[in-house]
Amino acid sequence: MRRAFSASIILAVVLTGGLGSCRREQPALTHVVVNQAFEHLLYIGLYVAKDKGFFAQQGLDVEIDTGGGDAQAFSALTSGQAQFAQGDPAFVAIANEKGWQGRVVAMAVDRAAIWGVTLDKSIKPFTDPAGFRGRTVATYPNPNTAYVIQEQLDEKAGLKVGKTTKILQVPFGTEIATLHNRQADIAQTIEPNASQIELQGGTVVFSYADAYGPLAFTGVMTSKKLIDDNPQLVQKFINAYEQALQFIQTDPQSTQIIAEKRLPNLPPDVIKAGLARLVQSGCIPKHAAVNEESWQKLLQIRVDVGDLKRLPTEALVDNTFANNALPR
């Protein structure tokens, strides 16, 4: 009995040691920092990549920091505080004119994720921007992309800003208030605001995503140095991002669960409606590769408003990683 008991102890020690060895042999995850401009529903691709374990499957321990704005997120990248940034990809072109070398390596939002909402029941949904005739539209201040898009659509419809239509420039987050105090007939807004006001009795009357078409609205950016020094790391990051975008298209329920955990202050019905609109409109792309038409549209806007001196001659988009991440 004593001999059998001793043998059991020895066996347990051997097994425990063996399991410990197996645990020690597991490779450690590589720590990576990505700085996002905001914690937002638009960034669902990043959250799915993290929370579904797609980054971990690639051997990455991804830390998501929040800069509080596009400029802050990009600054974290250029200062070396982060290996990746998610926000307005135009910053890569703007920084390039100042000598910093970066690349856009994935697209997170591929349309103008903006919708026109109203509380006026007499205004019916329209697709032709001529429907803005005689209306005052609240938008974010010039040179914000939202303002430029409104101005360009008005011109395309033959409307004269200040005469046949008006643009009311208001700070971010105050656009809905202009409807309540009747300063504006229609307000430009993003998700989840559009779905929230719709569920509260308002109406989404115009889709800028549909009217304006492809536009590089939010991108994943990194430095040219990281691409040169560690292309494997960049590839792993984009592999996970590609997987996340495909997951969003095929599993809306699981995507919503992740969004609810990330954004606990939003009602589930708002998140559900907002995600559906973002996916159905094409704002959340099916794949990570940057659409060339989207990129050129963004650059032209930045030239028009003076953020860029001229269209860049250097290729600032690197789709190598996104293309490699696509299923064969």
Protein backbone atom coordinates (compact mmCIF):
# COMPACT_ATOMS: atom_id res chain seq x y z
CA MET A 1 0.00 0.00 0.00
CA ARG A 2 2.79 2.37 0.99
CA ARG A 3 4.72 1.50 -2.21
CA ALA A 4 1.62 2.19 -4.36
CA PHE A 5 1.04 5.50 -2.57
CA SER A 6 4.66 6.57 -3.21
CA ALA A 7 4.36 5.62 -6.85
CA SER A 8 1.23 7.76 -7.12
CA ILE A 9 3.06 10.76 -5.67
CA ILE A 10 5.96 10.28 -8.08
CA LEU A 11 3.55 9.99 -11.02
CA ALA A 12 1.73 13.14 -9.94
CA VAL A 13 5.00 15.04 -9.64
CA VAL A 14 6.09 13.87 -13.10
CA LEU A 15 2.75 14.81 -14.66
CA THR A 16 2.72 18.19 -12.93
CA GLY A 17 6.25 18.88 -14.09
CA GLY A 18 5.34 17.78 -17.59
CA LEU A 19 2.31 20.07 -17.71
CA GLY A 20 4.42 22.90 -16.34
CA SER A 21 6.94 22.32 -19.11
CA CYS A 22 4.16 22.44 -21.71
CA ARG A 23 2.97 25.74 -20.31
CA ARG A 24 6.47 27.16 -20.35
CA GLU A 25 6.95 26.08 -23.95
CA GLN A 26 3.99 28.15 -25.16
CA PRO A 27 5.40 31.22 -26.93
CA ALA A 28 4.73 34.55 -25.28
CA LEU A 29 2.44 36.96 -27.10
CA THR A 30 4.08 40.01 -28.64
CA HIS A 31 2.83 43.19 -27.01
CA VAL A 32 1.52 45.75 -29.50
CA VAL A 33 -0.11 49.14 -28.88
CA VAL A 34 -2.73 50.63 -31.19
CA ASN A 35 -4.03 54.11 -30.41
CA GLN A 36 -7.59 54.83 -31.54
CA ALA A 37 -8.99 58.32 -31.97
CA PHE A 38 -12.15 57.51 -30.00
CA GLU A 39 -13.98 54.63 -28.33
CA HIS A 40 -16.73 54.39 -30.89
CA LEU A 41 -19.15 52.08 -32.69
CA LEU A 42 -17.42 52.94 -35.97
CA TYR A 43 -14.34 51.15 -34.66
CA ILE A 44 -16.08 47.81 -34.23
CA GLY A 45 -13.52 46.07 -36.46
CA LEU A 46 -10.76 46.74 -33.94
CA TYR A 47 -12.87 45.55 -31.00
CA VAL A 48 -13.86 42.32 -32.73
CA ALA A 49 -10.23 41.61 -33.63
CA LYS A 50 -9.30 42.04 -29.97
CA ASP A 51 -12.27 40.53 -28.14
CA LYS A 52 -12.81 37.51 -30.40
CA GLY A 53 -9.17 36.60 -29.92
CA PHE A 54 -8.10 37.10 -33.53
CA PHE A 55 -5.07 39.14 -32.45
CA ALA A 56 -4.12 36.50 -29.88
CA GLN A 57 -4.40 33.79 -32.54
CA GLN A 58 -1.78 35.72 -34.48
CA GLY A 59 0.49 35.79 -31.43
CA LEU A 60 -0.25 39.39 -30.53
CA ASP A 61 -1.19 40.94 -27.20
CA VAL A 62 -2.83 44.12 -28.47
CA GLU A 63 -3.35 47.03 -26.11
CA ILE A 64 -5.93 49.56 -27.28
CA ASP A 65 -5.27 53.12 -26.10
CA THR A 66 -7.64 56.02 -26.80
CA GLY A 67 -6.14 59.32 -27.88
CA GLY A 68 -9.32 61.40 -27.74
CA GLY A 69 -9.02 62.66 -31.32
CA ASP A 70 -7.48 61.87 -34.70
CA ALA A 71 -4.51 64.16 -34.12
CA GLN A 72 -3.77 62.61 -30.72
CA ALA A 73 -3.97 59.05 -32.04
CA PHE A 74 -1.64 59.90 -34.90
CA SER A 75 0.74 61.69 -32.54
CA ALA A 76 1.03 58.50 -30.47
CA LEU A 77 2.12 56.72 -33.65
CA THR A 78 4.68 59.30 -34.77
CA SER A 79 6.15 59.58 -31.26
CA GLY A 80 6.61 55.83 -31.00
CA GLN A 81 4.11 55.38 -28.17
CA ALA A 82 2.06 53.12 -30.45
CA GLN A 83 2.91 50.81 -33.33
CA PHE A 84 -0.45 51.47 -35.02
CA ALA A 85 -3.03 54.24 -35.05
CA GLN A 86 -6.67 54.16 -36.06
CA GLY A 87 -8.29 57.38 -37.20
CA ASP A 88 -8.34 59.82 -40.11
CA PRO A 89 -5.90 58.36 -42.69
CA ALA A 90 -5.33 61.80 -44.24
CA PHE A 91 -2.79 62.39 -41.45
CA VAL A 92 -0.40 60.04 -43.24
CA ALA A 93 -0.41 62.32 -46.29
CA ILE A 94 -0.23 65.49 -44.21
CA ALA A 95 2.74 64.13 -42.22
CA ASN A 96 4.42 62.99 -45.44
CA GLU A 97 4.61 66.60 -46.61
CA LYS A 98 6.48 67.35 -43.39
CA GLY A 99 8.93 64.50 -43.85
CA TRP A 100 7.46 61.70 -41.71
CA GLN A 101 7.08 58.39 -43.49
CA GLY A 102 3.95 56.39 -42.73
CA ARG A 103 1.52 54.13 -44.55
CA VAL A 104 -2.17 53.31 -44.46
CA VAL A 105 -2.32 49.52 -44.22
CA ALA A 106 -6.04 48.83 -43.72
CA MET A 107 -9.41 50.51 -44.01
CA ALA A 108 -11.74 50.54 -40.99
CA VAL A 109 -14.53 52.75 -42.38
CA ASP A 110 -14.86 53.03 -46.15
CA ARG A 111 -17.73 55.49 -46.58
CA ALA A 112 -18.78 58.85 -45.26
CA ALA A 113 -20.47 57.41 -42.17
CA ILE A 114 -22.81 60.38 -41.85
CA TRP A 115 -26.59 60.61 -42.05
CA GLY A 116 -29.01 63.50 -42.25
CA VAL A 117 -31.65 63.35 -39.52
CA THR A 118 -34.66 65.51 -38.74
CA LEU A 119 -37.52 65.93 -36.29
CA ASP A 120 -39.68 67.62 -38.94
CA LYS A 121 -42.29 65.12 -40.11
CA SER A 122 -42.90 67.14 -43.27
CA ILE A 123 -39.40 66.31 -44.55
CA LYS A 124 -39.44 62.96 -46.30
CA PRO A 125 -36.37 60.81 -47.06
CA PHE A 126 -34.57 61.76 -50.28
CA THR A 127 -31.57 60.52 -52.25
CA ASP A 128 -30.93 63.52 -54.53
CA PRO A 129 -29.01 66.29 -52.70
CA ALA A 130 -31.35 68.74 -54.43
CA GLY A 131 -33.60 67.86 -51.48
CA PHE A 132 -31.51 70.26 -49.38
CA ARG A 133 -33.03 73.19 -51.28
CA GLY A 134 -34.58 75.65 -48.84
CA ARG A 135 -33.20 73.75 -45.84
CA THR A 136 -30.71 74.67 -43.15
CA VAL A 137 -28.31 71.82 -42.47
CA ALA A 138 -26.29 71.60 -39.25
CA THR A 139 -22.80 70.21 -39.76
CA TYR A 140 -19.41 70.18 -38.08
CA PRO A 141 -17.20 73.22 -38.70
CA ASN A 142 -15.18 73.71 -41.88
CA PRO A 143 -12.68 72.16 -42.76
CA ASN A 144 -14.17 69.01 -41.19
CA THR A 145 -14.82 66.35 -43.82
CA ALA A 146 -18.54 66.42 -43.02
CA TYR A 147 -18.75 70.12 -43.91
CA VAL A 148 -16.79 69.68 -47.14
CA ILE A 149 -19.02 66.80 -48.24
CA GLN A 150 -22.15 68.87 -47.59
CA GLU A 151 -20.76 71.78 -49.59
CA GLN A 152 -19.71 69.54 -52.50
CA LEU A 153 -23.08 67.77 -52.65
CA ASP A 154 -24.87 71.12 -52.62
CA GLU A 155 -22.75 72.33 -55.53
CA LYS A 156 -23.33 69.09 -57.41
CA ALA A 157 -27.09 69.63 -57.05
CA GLY A 158 -26.82 73.21 -58.33
CA LEU A 159 -27.56 74.75 -54.94
CA LYS A 160 -25.94 77.95 -53.74
CA VAL A 161 -24.81 77.82 -50.11
CA GLY A 162 -26.13 80.87 -48.28
CA LYS A 163 -28.92 81.43 -50.81
CA THR A 164 -30.84 78.33 -51.89
CA THR A 165 -29.56 76.30 -48.93
CA LYS A 166 -27.76 77.09 -45.69
CA ILE A 167 -25.06 75.34 -43.67
CA LEU A 168 -25.01 75.89 -39.91
CA GLN A 169 -21.60 75.04 -38.45
CA VAL A 170 -21.81 73.68 -34.90
CA PRO A 171 -19.41 71.94 -32.49
CA PHE A 172 -19.28 68.14 -32.50
CA GLY A 173 -21.96 66.70 -30.24
CA THR A 174 -24.33 69.68 -30.46
CA GLU A 175 -25.83 68.92 -33.87
CA ILE A 176 -28.99 67.24 -32.54
CA ALA A 177 -29.73 70.22 -30.27
CA THR A 178 -30.09 72.40 -33.38
CA LEU A 179 -33.12 70.32 -34.36
CA HIS A 180 -34.77 70.69 -30.97
CA ASN A 181 -34.32 74.47 -30.90
CA ARG A 182 -35.23 74.70 -34.61
CA GLN A 183 -31.99 76.31 -35.71
CA ALA A 184 -31.68 73.64 -38.38
CA ASP A 185 -34.08 71.53 -40.42
CA ILE A 186 -31.64 68.66 -40.90
CA ALA A 187 -28.56 67.72 -38.90
CA GLN A 188 -25.61 65.70 -40.07
CA THR A 189 -24.71 63.07 -37.51
CA ILE A 190 -22.96 59.73 -37.12
CA GLU A 191 -23.88 56.42 -35.58
CA PRO A 192 -25.13 55.65 -33.00
CA ASN A 193 -26.78 59.11 -32.96
CA ALA A 194 -28.67 58.45 -36.20
CA SER A 195 -30.26 55.26 -34.88
CA GLN A 196 -30.90 56.81 -31.47
CA ILE A 197 -32.86 59.76 -32.85
CA GLU A 198 -34.73 57.46 -35.23
CA LEU A 199 -35.81 55.21 -32.35
CA GLN A 200 -36.91 58.35 -30.47
CA GLY A 201 -39.28 59.36 -33.26
CA GLY A 202 -37.00 61.29 -35.61
CA THR A 203 -36.28 60.36 -39.21
CA VAL A 204 -33.12 59.54 -41.15
CA VAL A 205 -33.81 61.43 -44.38
CA PHE A 206 -30.47 61.34 -46.20
CA SER A 207 -27.50 58.97 -46.42
CA TYR A 208 -24.18 60.65 -47.17
CA ALA A 209 -22.65 57.18 -47.34
CA ASP A 210 -24.86 56.35 -50.33
CA ALA A 211 -24.75 59.76 -51.99
CA TYR A 212 -21.00 60.34 -51.75
CA GLY A 213 -19.86 56.78 -52.33
CA PRO A 214 -16.50 55.29 -51.30
CA LEU A 215 -14.41 57.51 -49.03
CA ALA A 216 -11.44 56.63 -46.83
CA PHE A 217 -13.08 57.75 -43.59
CA THR A 218 -11.09 55.78 -41.01
CA GLY A 219 -7.88 53.84 -41.56
CA VAL A 220 -5.28 51.77 -39.77
CA MET A 221 -1.87 53.45 -40.03
CA THR A 222 1.68 52.53 -39.16
CA SER A 223 5.19 53.80 -39.79
CA LYS A 224 7.26 52.95 -42.84
CA LYS A 225 10.02 52.01 -40.39
CA LEU A 226 7.92 49.29 -38.76
CA ILE A 227 7.00 47.92 -42.18
CA ASP A 228 10.68 47.78 -43.13
CA ASP A 229 11.94 46.46 -39.78
CA ASN A 230 9.17 44.02 -38.86
CA PRO A 231 6.83 43.22 -41.75
CA GLN A 232 5.80 39.99 -40.02
CA LEU A 233 4.31 41.98 -37.15
CA VAL A 234 2.33 44.19 -39.52
CA GLN A 235 1.11 41.13 -41.40
CA LYS A 236 -0.12 39.48 -38.21
CA PHE A 237 -2.00 42.63 -37.18
CA ILE A 238 -3.72 42.92 -40.54
CA ASN A 239 -4.47 39.19 -40.66
CA ALA A 240 -6.51 39.62 -37.47
CA TYR A 241 -8.18 42.79 -38.74
CA GLU A 242 -9.20 41.09 -41.98
CA GLN A 243 -10.63 38.19 -40.01
CA ALA A 244 -12.60 40.61 -37.83
CA LEU A 245 -14.14 42.43 -40.81
CA GLN A 246 -15.28 39.13 -42.31
CA PHE A 247 -16.69 38.06 -38.93
CA ILE A 248 -18.77 41.26 -38.67
CA GLN A 249 -20.37 40.52 -42.03
CA THR A 250 -21.38 36.99 -41.08
CA ASP A 251 -22.19 37.07 -37.34
CA PRO A 252 -24.14 40.22 -36.39
CA GLN A 253 -25.34 38.79 -33.07
CA SER A 254 -21.85 38.07 -31.74
CA THR A 255 -20.67 41.42 -33.10
CA GLN A 256 -23.43 43.15 -31.16
CA ILE A 257 -22.42 41.39 -27.94
CA ILE A 258 -18.89 42.72 -28.34
CA ALA A 259 -20.19 46.23 -29.09
CA GLU A 260 -22.43 46.17 -26.02
CA LYS A 261 -19.49 45.27 -23.77
CA ARG A 262 -17.33 47.99 -25.28
CA LEU A 263 -20.09 50.63 -25.20
CA PRO A 264 -22.17 49.78 -22.11
CA ASN A 265 -23.89 53.18 -22.01
CA LEU A 266 -25.70 52.58 -25.31
CA PRO A 267 -29.05 50.74 -25.33
CA PRO A 268 -28.87 47.35 -27.12
CA ASP A 269 -31.55 48.36 -29.66
CA VAL A 270 -29.51 51.41 -30.63
CA ILE A 271 -26.36 49.32 -31.05
CA LYS A 272 -28.25 46.75 -33.13
CA ALA A 273 -29.73 49.38 -35.45
CA GLY A 274 -26.45 51.28 -35.70
CA LEU A 275 -24.41 48.21 -36.58
CA ALA A 276 -26.95 47.14 -39.19
CA ARG A 277 -26.79 50.55 -40.86
CA LEU A 278 -23.00 50.64 -40.81
CA VAL A 279 -22.72 47.21 -42.40
CA GLN A 280 -25.55 47.55 -44.92
CA SER A 281 -24.31 50.95 -46.11
CA GLY A 282 -20.81 49.60 -46.70
CA CYS A 283 -19.28 51.90 -44.10
CA ILE A 284 -17.77 48.85 -42.41
CA PRO A 285 -15.91 47.28 -45.34
CA LYS A 286 -15.94 43.58 -46.16
CA HIS A 287 -12.16 43.51 -46.42
CA ALA A 288 -9.22 45.45 -45.03
CA ALA A 289 -7.63 46.52 -48.33
CA VAL A 290 -7.76 50.26 -49.02
CA ASN A 291 -9.95 51.18 -51.99
CA GLU A 292 -7.99 53.45 -54.34
CA GLU A 293 -11.07 55.52 -55.23
CA SER A 294 -11.77 56.04 -51.53
CA TRP A 295 -8.20 57.16 -50.90
CA GLN A 296 -8.05 59.58 -53.84
CA LYS A 297 -11.36 61.18 -52.82
CA LEU A 298 -10.03 61.83 -49.33
CA LEU A 299 -6.80 63.32 -50.66
CA GLN A 300 -8.68 65.65 -52.99
CA ILE A 301 -10.84 66.88 -50.13
CA ARG A 302 -7.72 67.67 -48.11
CA VAL A 303 -6.19 69.54 -51.05
CA ASP A 304 -9.43 71.49 -51.53
CA VAL A 305 -9.51 72.64 -47.89
CA GLY A 306 -5.79 73.42 -47.80
CA ASP A 307 -4.59 70.66 -45.46
CA LEU A 308 -2.43 69.33 -48.30
CA LYS A 309 -0.43 71.51 -50.68
CA ARG A 310 -0.88 69.06 -53.54
CA LEU A 311 -1.82 65.45 -54.23
CA PRO A 312 1.05 63.24 -53.07
CA THR A 313 3.16 61.60 -55.76
CA GLU A 314 4.37 58.88 -53.39
CA ALA A 315 2.27 55.77 -52.75
CA LEU A 316 1.15 56.16 -49.14
CA VAL A 317 -1.13 53.12 -49.11
CA ASP A 318 0.37 49.67 -48.68
CA ASN A 319 -2.17 46.95 -49.48
CA THR A 320 0.42 44.18 -49.45
CA PHE A 321 -0.60 42.97 -46.00
CA ALA A 322 -4.36 43.19 -46.60
CA ASN A 323 -4.03 41.32 -49.88
CA ASN A 324 -1.94 38.62 -48.22
CA ALA A 325 -4.57 38.29 -45.49
CA LEU A 326 -7.34 37.43 -47.94
CA PRO A 327 -8.38 33.75 -48.05
CA ARG A 328 -6.80 31.84 -50.94
